[in-house]
Amino acid sequence: AEGVLVLAAACGGDGMVAGQVLDMGPAAGDEAALRQLCALKTGAMIRAAAELGRIAAGAGLEERQKAAAYGSHIGLAFQVRDDMLDVESSEAELGKPIGSDREMGKRTFADLLGLKGCTALIAKETALAKEAVAGFADNGFLLCLADSLADRRS
């Protein structure tokens, strides 16, 4: 029952649906607005997936909160990296059209922070994600996943 509640919250009006509504409106004007959009749109689902794993394992509230924090941080790092790839990658390498965010008039982290700023934000969010699960006995996969998402090329 707990897992259903977590997933429903992540999908609903306080999660992904809210993010989709924001994404359909005017472009995010600043970094705070873009962070909120990302936290709702993709971050909510990644956060929920991380927490659901701990729920399935029977973990307590503190471990669930740490897993959710991990998900939030890798979710933001993933989106920032995606924004970078939309600028600096090729369609062949990425496997999808590049520059589509700009064509649709969307503001991205690359627009707001530049590529150097994005790289710094990805490093910060990846470190925070890894810190959130540092105390987990079974954290090897989670640490590798955070690094691989931060360094991905597609």
Protein backbone atom coordinates (compact mmCIF):
# COMPACT_ATOMS: atom_id res chain seq x y z
CA ALA A 1 0.00 0.00 0.00
CA GLU A 2 2.87 2.42 0.77
CA GLY A 3 4.37 1.85 -2.66
CA VAL A 4 1.08 2.62 -4.39
CA LEU A 5 0.82 5.90 -2.48
CA VAL A 6 4.38 6.92 -3.39
CA LEU A 7 3.85 6.10 -7.06
CA ALA A 8 0.46 7.83 -7.19
CA ALA A 9 1.91 11.00 -5.65
CA ALA A 10 4.80 10.97 -8.13
CA CYS A 11 2.45 10.58 -11.11
CA GLY A 12 -0.32 12.91 -10.03
CA GLY A 13 -1.08 16.58 -9.69
CA ASP A 14 1.78 17.15 -7.26
CA GLY A 15 4.27 15.27 -9.43
CA MET A 16 4.66 14.43 -13.09
CA VAL A 17 1.28 15.84 -14.16
CA ALA A 18 2.13 19.18 -12.53
CA GLY A 19 5.48 19.15 -14.32
CA GLN A 20 3.82 18.48 -17.66
CA VAL A 21 1.43 21.39 -17.08
CA LEU A 22 4.35 23.71 -16.26
CA ASP A 23 6.26 22.47 -19.31
CA MET A 24 3.34 23.36 -21.58
CA GLY A 25 3.25 26.93 -20.27
CA PRO A 26 5.69 29.80 -20.71
CA ALA A 27 9.39 28.93 -20.63
CA ALA A 28 10.99 28.79 -17.18
CA GLY A 29 12.43 32.22 -16.48
CA ASP A 30 15.18 31.35 -14.04
CA GLU A 31 17.10 28.47 -12.53
CA ALA A 32 14.67 28.06 -9.60
CA ALA A 33 11.69 27.70 -11.95
CA LEU A 34 13.59 25.24 -14.14
CA ARG A 35 14.60 23.20 -11.09
CA GLN A 36 10.96 23.05 -9.99
CA LEU A 37 9.87 21.91 -13.45
CA CYS A 38 12.51 19.18 -13.52
CA ALA A 39 11.73 18.06 -9.96
CA LEU A 40 8.10 17.59 -10.90
CA LYS A 41 8.33 16.33 -14.46
CA THR A 42 11.10 13.71 -14.43
CA GLY A 43 12.49 14.02 -10.93
CA ALA A 44 9.30 12.83 -9.25
CA MET A 45 9.39 9.54 -11.12
CA ILE A 46 13.09 8.92 -10.51
CA ARG A 47 12.67 9.84 -6.84
CA ALA A 48 9.71 7.46 -6.55
CA ALA A 49 11.60 4.63 -8.24
CA ALA A 50 14.45 4.99 -5.77
CA GLU A 51 12.07 5.06 -2.81
CA LEU A 52 10.02 2.13 -4.13
CA GLY A 53 13.12 -0.05 -4.07
CA ARG A 54 13.55 0.64 -0.35
CA ILE A 55 9.85 0.08 0.32
CA ALA A 56 10.07 -3.31 -1.41
CA ALA A 57 13.08 -4.14 0.77
CA GLY A 58 11.14 -3.27 3.92
CA ALA A 59 13.32 -0.29 4.82
CA GLY A 60 12.33 2.27 7.41
CA LEU A 61 11.40 5.89 6.83
CA GLU A 62 14.95 7.25 7.18
CA GLU A 63 16.34 4.92 4.51
CA ARG A 64 13.38 5.72 2.26
CA GLN A 65 14.05 9.44 2.64
CA LYS A 66 17.72 8.94 1.78
CA ALA A 67 16.76 6.92 -1.29
CA ALA A 68 14.30 9.63 -2.33
CA ALA A 69 17.02 12.28 -1.92
CA TYR A 70 19.32 10.15 -4.06
CA GLY A 71 16.63 9.96 -6.73
CA SER A 72 16.05 13.72 -6.62
CA HIS A 73 19.74 14.48 -7.07
CA ILE A 74 20.37 12.01 -9.90
CA GLY A 75 17.15 13.18 -11.53
CA LEU A 76 18.37 16.76 -11.65
CA ALA A 77 21.86 15.70 -12.79
CA PHE A 78 20.24 13.57 -15.53
CA GLN A 79 18.15 16.50 -16.80
CA VAL A 80 21.06 18.94 -16.77
CA ARG A 81 23.15 16.42 -18.72
CA ASP A 82 20.27 15.95 -21.14
CA ASP A 83 20.17 19.72 -21.71
CA MET A 84 23.91 19.73 -22.39
CA LEU A 85 23.64 16.86 -24.84
CA ASP A 86 20.88 18.71 -26.70
CA VAL A 87 23.50 21.40 -27.39
CA GLU A 88 26.80 19.59 -27.77
CA SER A 89 25.93 16.16 -29.14
CA SER A 90 25.05 14.98 -32.61
CA GLU A 91 21.81 13.38 -33.72
CA ALA A 92 23.68 10.17 -34.58
CA GLU A 93 25.32 10.01 -31.15
CA LEU A 94 22.22 10.98 -29.17
CA GLY A 95 19.72 8.95 -31.20
CA LYS A 96 17.21 11.79 -31.31
CA PRO A 97 17.01 15.25 -32.86
CA ILE A 98 19.25 17.83 -31.19
CA GLY A 99 18.39 21.45 -30.61
CA SER A 100 14.70 20.63 -30.23
CA ASP A 101 14.38 22.43 -26.90
CA ARG A 102 15.60 25.69 -28.41
CA GLU A 103 13.34 25.26 -31.46
CA MET A 104 10.33 24.87 -29.14
CA GLY A 105 11.31 28.00 -27.18
CA LYS A 106 12.14 26.13 -23.99
CA ARG A 107 14.75 27.48 -21.56
CA THR A 108 17.24 24.87 -20.47
CA PHE A 109 20.03 24.63 -17.94
CA ALA A 110 22.47 25.06 -20.83
CA ASP A 111 20.81 28.40 -21.64
CA LEU A 112 20.81 29.59 -18.05
CA LEU A 113 24.17 28.27 -16.82
CA GLY A 114 26.25 27.62 -19.93
CA LEU A 115 28.01 24.30 -20.47
CA LYS A 116 30.65 24.98 -17.81
CA GLY A 117 27.97 25.83 -15.24
CA CYS A 118 26.06 22.68 -16.19
CA THR A 119 29.15 20.54 -15.68
CA ALA A 120 29.61 22.02 -12.20
CA LEU A 121 25.94 21.47 -11.30
CA ILE A 122 26.06 17.86 -12.48
CA ALA A 123 29.16 17.24 -10.34
CA LYS A 124 27.46 18.82 -7.31
CA GLU A 125 24.20 16.88 -7.72
CA THR A 126 26.05 13.61 -8.34
CA ALA A 127 28.10 14.13 -5.17
CA LEU A 128 24.93 14.89 -3.18
CA ALA A 129 23.26 11.76 -4.56
CA LYS A 130 26.21 9.60 -3.58
CA GLU A 131 26.35 11.24 -0.15
CA ALA A 132 22.65 10.45 0.41
CA VAL A 133 23.27 6.70 0.08
CA ALA A 134 26.79 6.58 1.52
CA GLY A 135 25.56 4.69 4.58
CA PHE A 136 23.74 1.98 2.63
CA ALA A 137 25.47 -1.37 2.87
CA ASP A 138 24.44 -2.24 -0.68
CA ASN A 139 25.31 1.03 -2.37
CA GLY A 140 27.83 -0.05 -5.04
CA PHE A 141 25.30 -0.10 -7.86
CA LEU A 142 23.79 3.23 -6.79
CA LEU A 143 27.20 4.93 -6.75
CA CYS A 144 28.07 3.56 -10.19
CA LEU A 145 24.67 4.55 -11.56
CA ALA A 146 25.09 8.14 -10.36
CA ASP A 147 28.51 8.37 -12.05
CA SER A 148 27.34 6.76 -15.28
CA LEU A 149 24.36 9.10 -15.59
CA ALA A 150 26.60 12.11 -14.99
CA ASP A 151 29.04 11.02 -17.71
CA ARG A 152 26.58 9.68 -20.28
CA ARG A 153 26.96 10.62 -23.96
CA SER A 154 23.50 9.54 -25.12
